[in-house]
């Protein structure tokens, strides 16, 4: 009987960790998609190649850079992860990031 109770408790703990992990991944999924789109577009615009993971990271960083610049210039926040404004701002920030990187590397 104790073995059954122990297995049930272990199963519930495992299920809880699984659901928490799944929830975290599903919450990050839109950000991964927008980062990939923005990074890929910026890489295409600047003729850079960084791979999928590089594009996602560049897109995330570009989203932050573009968002800060957007707020500074318009005094409005970008609302909605999949909004056209957010994607365009992320692309613009990613292009700025890649151009600064190329300028530092002396490739411009």
C-alpha atoms as a PDB file:
ATOM      1  CA  UNK A   1       0.000   0.000   0.000  1.00  0.00           C
ATOM      2  CA  UNK A   2       2.838   2.400   0.868  1.00  0.00           C
ATOM      3  CA  UNK A   3       4.461   1.664  -2.491  1.00  0.00           C
ATOM      4  CA  UNK A   4       1.271   2.613  -4.335  1.00  0.00           C
ATOM      5  CA  UNK A   5       0.969   5.869  -2.402  1.00  0.00           C
ATOM      6  CA  UNK A   6       4.645   6.665  -3.041  1.00  0.00           C
ATOM      7  CA  UNK A   7       4.221   6.004  -6.780  1.00  0.00           C
ATOM      8  CA  UNK A   8       1.104   8.193  -6.923  1.00  0.00           C
ATOM      9  CA  UNK A   9       2.911  11.038  -5.133  1.00  0.00           C
ATOM     10  CA  UNK A  10       5.937  10.715  -7.416  1.00  0.00           C
ATOM     11  CA  UNK A  11       3.629  10.656 -10.445  1.00  0.00           C
ATOM     12  CA  UNK A  12       1.825  13.805  -9.285  1.00  0.00           C
ATOM     13  CA  UNK A  13       5.118  15.601  -8.668  1.00  0.00           C
ATOM     14  CA  UNK A  14       6.355  14.582 -12.137  1.00  0.00           C
ATOM     15  CA  UNK A  15       3.075  15.717 -13.711  1.00  0.00           C
ATOM     16  CA  UNK A  16       3.339  19.072 -11.931  1.00  0.00           C
ATOM     17  CA  UNK A  17       6.892  19.655 -13.169  1.00  0.00           C
ATOM     18  CA  UNK A  18       5.893  18.581 -16.685  1.00  0.00           C
ATOM     19  CA  UNK A  19       2.920  20.969 -16.781  1.00  0.00           C
ATOM     20  CA  UNK A  20       5.003  23.843 -15.385  1.00  0.00           C
ATOM     21  CA  UNK A  21       7.683  23.259 -18.026  1.00  0.00           C
ATOM     22  CA  UNK A  22       5.084  22.965 -20.778  1.00  0.00           C
ATOM     23  CA  UNK A  23       3.451  26.202 -19.645  1.00  0.00           C
ATOM     24  CA  UNK A  24       6.777  28.019 -19.729  1.00  0.00           C
ATOM     25  CA  UNK A  25       7.571  26.756 -23.217  1.00  0.00           C
ATOM     26  CA  UNK A  26       4.130  27.699 -24.501  1.00  0.00           C
ATOM     27  CA  UNK A  27       4.455  31.174 -22.973  1.00  0.00           C
ATOM     28  CA  UNK A  28       7.791  31.682 -24.743  1.00  0.00           C
ATOM     29  CA  UNK A  29       6.640  30.292 -28.092  1.00  0.00           C
ATOM     30  CA  UNK A  30       5.278  33.595 -29.487  1.00  0.00           C
ATOM     31  CA  UNK A  31       8.522  35.345 -28.528  1.00  0.00           C
ATOM     32  CA  UNK A  32      10.528  32.623 -30.268  1.00  0.00           C
ATOM     33  CA  UNK A  33       8.459  33.021 -33.425  1.00  0.00           C
ATOM     34  CA  UNK A  34       8.712  36.825 -33.483  1.00  0.00           C
ATOM     35  CA  UNK A  35      12.443  36.636 -32.719  1.00  0.00           C
ATOM     36  CA  UNK A  36      12.948  34.189 -35.571  1.00  0.00           C
ATOM     37  CA  UNK A  37      10.956  36.322 -38.019  1.00  0.00           C
ATOM     38  CA  UNK A  38      12.727  39.551 -37.021  1.00  0.00           C
ATOM     39  CA  UNK A  39      16.180  37.970 -36.968  1.00  0.00           C
ATOM     40  CA  UNK A  40      15.671  36.248 -40.305  1.00  0.00           C
ATOM     41  CA  UNK A  41      14.387  39.449 -41.954  1.00  0.00           C
ATOM     42  CA  UNK A  42      17.241  41.527 -40.519  1.00  0.00           C
ATOM     43  CA  UNK A  43      19.780  38.923 -41.650  1.00  0.00           C
ATOM     44  CA  UNK A  44      18.285  39.011 -45.143  1.00  0.00           C
ATOM     45  CA  UNK A  45      18.308  42.829 -45.229  1.00  0.00           C
ATOM     46  CA  UNK A  46      21.915  43.119 -44.045  1.00  0.00           C
ATOM     47  CA  UNK A  47      23.157  40.036 -45.943  1.00  0.00           C
ATOM     48  CA  UNK A  48      24.274  38.273 -42.763  1.00  0.00           C
ATOM     49  CA  UNK A  49      24.007  34.597 -41.939  1.00  0.00           C
ATOM     50  CA  UNK A  50      23.602  33.496 -38.328  1.00  0.00           C
ATOM     51  CA  UNK A  51      21.515  30.309 -38.376  1.00  0.00           C
ATOM     52  CA  UNK A  52      18.190  29.726 -36.649  1.00  0.00           C
ATOM     53  CA  UNK A  53      19.417  30.174 -33.071  1.00  0.00           C
ATOM     54  CA  UNK A  54      21.391  33.277 -34.054  1.00  0.00           C
ATOM     55  CA  UNK A  55      18.351  34.735 -35.808  1.00  0.00           C
ATOM     56  CA  UNK A  56      16.177  34.137 -32.734  1.00  0.00           C
ATOM     57  CA  UNK A  57      18.724  35.801 -30.425  1.00  0.00           C
ATOM     58  CA  UNK A  58      19.226  38.708 -32.817  1.00  0.00           C
ATOM     59  CA  UNK A  59      15.456  39.070 -33.122  1.00  0.00           C
ATOM     60  CA  UNK A  60      15.035  39.129 -29.329  1.00  0.00           C
ATOM     61  CA  UNK A  61      17.763  41.719 -28.894  1.00  0.00           C
ATOM     62  CA  UNK A  62      16.397  43.716 -31.827  1.00  0.00           C
ATOM     63  CA  UNK A  63      12.945  43.623 -30.283  1.00  0.00           C
ATOM     64  CA  UNK A  64      14.319  45.194 -27.116  1.00  0.00           C
ATOM     65  CA  UNK A  65      16.373  47.793 -29.000  1.00  0.00           C
ATOM     66  CA  UNK A  66      13.534  48.620 -31.371  1.00  0.00           C
ATOM     67  CA  UNK A  67      11.021  48.764 -28.518  1.00  0.00           C
ATOM     68  CA  UNK A  68      13.147  51.212 -26.540  1.00  0.00           C
ATOM     69  CA  UNK A  69      13.640  53.417 -29.601  1.00  0.00           C
ATOM     70  CA  UNK A  70       9.932  53.222 -30.477  1.00  0.00           C
ATOM     71  CA  UNK A  71       8.919  54.335 -26.984  1.00  0.00           C
ATOM     72  CA  UNK A  72      11.530  57.114 -27.018  1.00  0.00           C
ATOM     73  CA  UNK A  73      10.314  58.442 -30.374  1.00  0.00           C
ATOM     74  CA  UNK A  74       6.534  57.964 -30.105  1.00  0.00           C
ATOM     75  CA  UNK A  75       5.904  57.870 -26.341  1.00  0.00           C
ATOM     76  CA  UNK A  76       3.694  54.807 -26.903  1.00  0.00           C
ATOM     77  CA  UNK A  77       4.321  51.157 -26.084  1.00  0.00           C
ATOM     78  CA  UNK A  78       4.060  48.398 -28.654  1.00  0.00           C
ATOM     79  CA  UNK A  79       1.122  46.201 -27.694  1.00  0.00           C
ATOM     80  CA  UNK A  80       0.685  42.567 -28.725  1.00  0.00           C
ATOM     81  CA  UNK A  81       3.373  40.047 -29.503  1.00  0.00           C
ATOM     82  CA  UNK A  82       2.080  39.249 -32.990  1.00  0.00           C
ATOM     83  CA  UNK A  83       1.088  42.803 -33.940  1.00  0.00           C
ATOM     84  CA  UNK A  84       2.489  44.157 -37.177  1.00  0.00           C
ATOM     85  CA  UNK A  85       3.964  47.095 -35.284  1.00  0.00           C
ATOM     86  CA  UNK A  86       5.843  44.810 -32.904  1.00  0.00           C
ATOM     87  CA  UNK A  87       7.260  42.714 -35.738  1.00  0.00           C
ATOM     88  CA  UNK A  88       8.345  45.800 -37.707  1.00  0.00           C
ATOM     89  CA  UNK A  89       9.898  47.388 -34.618  1.00  0.00           C
ATOM     90  CA  UNK A  90      11.747  44.127 -33.885  1.00  0.00           C
ATOM     91  CA  UNK A  91      13.026  43.972 -37.478  1.00  0.00           C
ATOM     92  CA  UNK A  92      14.189  47.607 -37.323  1.00  0.00           C
ATOM     93  CA  UNK A  93      15.963  47.005 -34.023  1.00  0.00           C
ATOM     94  CA  UNK A  94      17.577  43.851 -35.388  1.00  0.00           C
ATOM     95  CA  UNK A  95      18.820  45.685 -38.485  1.00  0.00           C
ATOM     96  CA  UNK A  96      20.267  48.424 -36.276  1.00  0.00           C
ATOM     97  CA  UNK A  97      21.972  45.791 -34.116  1.00  0.00           C
ATOM     98  CA  UNK A  98      23.476  44.008 -37.120  1.00  0.00           C
ATOM     99  CA  UNK A  99      24.636  47.264 -38.721  1.00  0.00           C
ATOM    100  CA  UNK A 100      26.344  48.312 -35.485  1.00  0.00           C
ATOM    101  CA  UNK A 101      27.969  44.882 -35.320  1.00  0.00           C
ATOM    102  CA  UNK A 102      29.200  45.192 -38.904  1.00  0.00           C
ATOM    103  CA  UNK A 103      30.502  48.708 -38.243  1.00  0.00           C
ATOM    104  CA  UNK A 104      32.442  47.505 -35.205  1.00  0.00           C
ATOM    105  CA  UNK A 105      33.832  44.580 -37.189  1.00  0.00           C
ATOM    106  CA  UNK A 106      34.758  46.936 -40.038  1.00  0.00           C
ATOM    107  CA  UNK A 107      32.572  45.241 -42.641  1.00  0.00           C
ATOM    108  CA  UNK A 108      30.377  48.219 -43.599  1.00  0.00           C
END
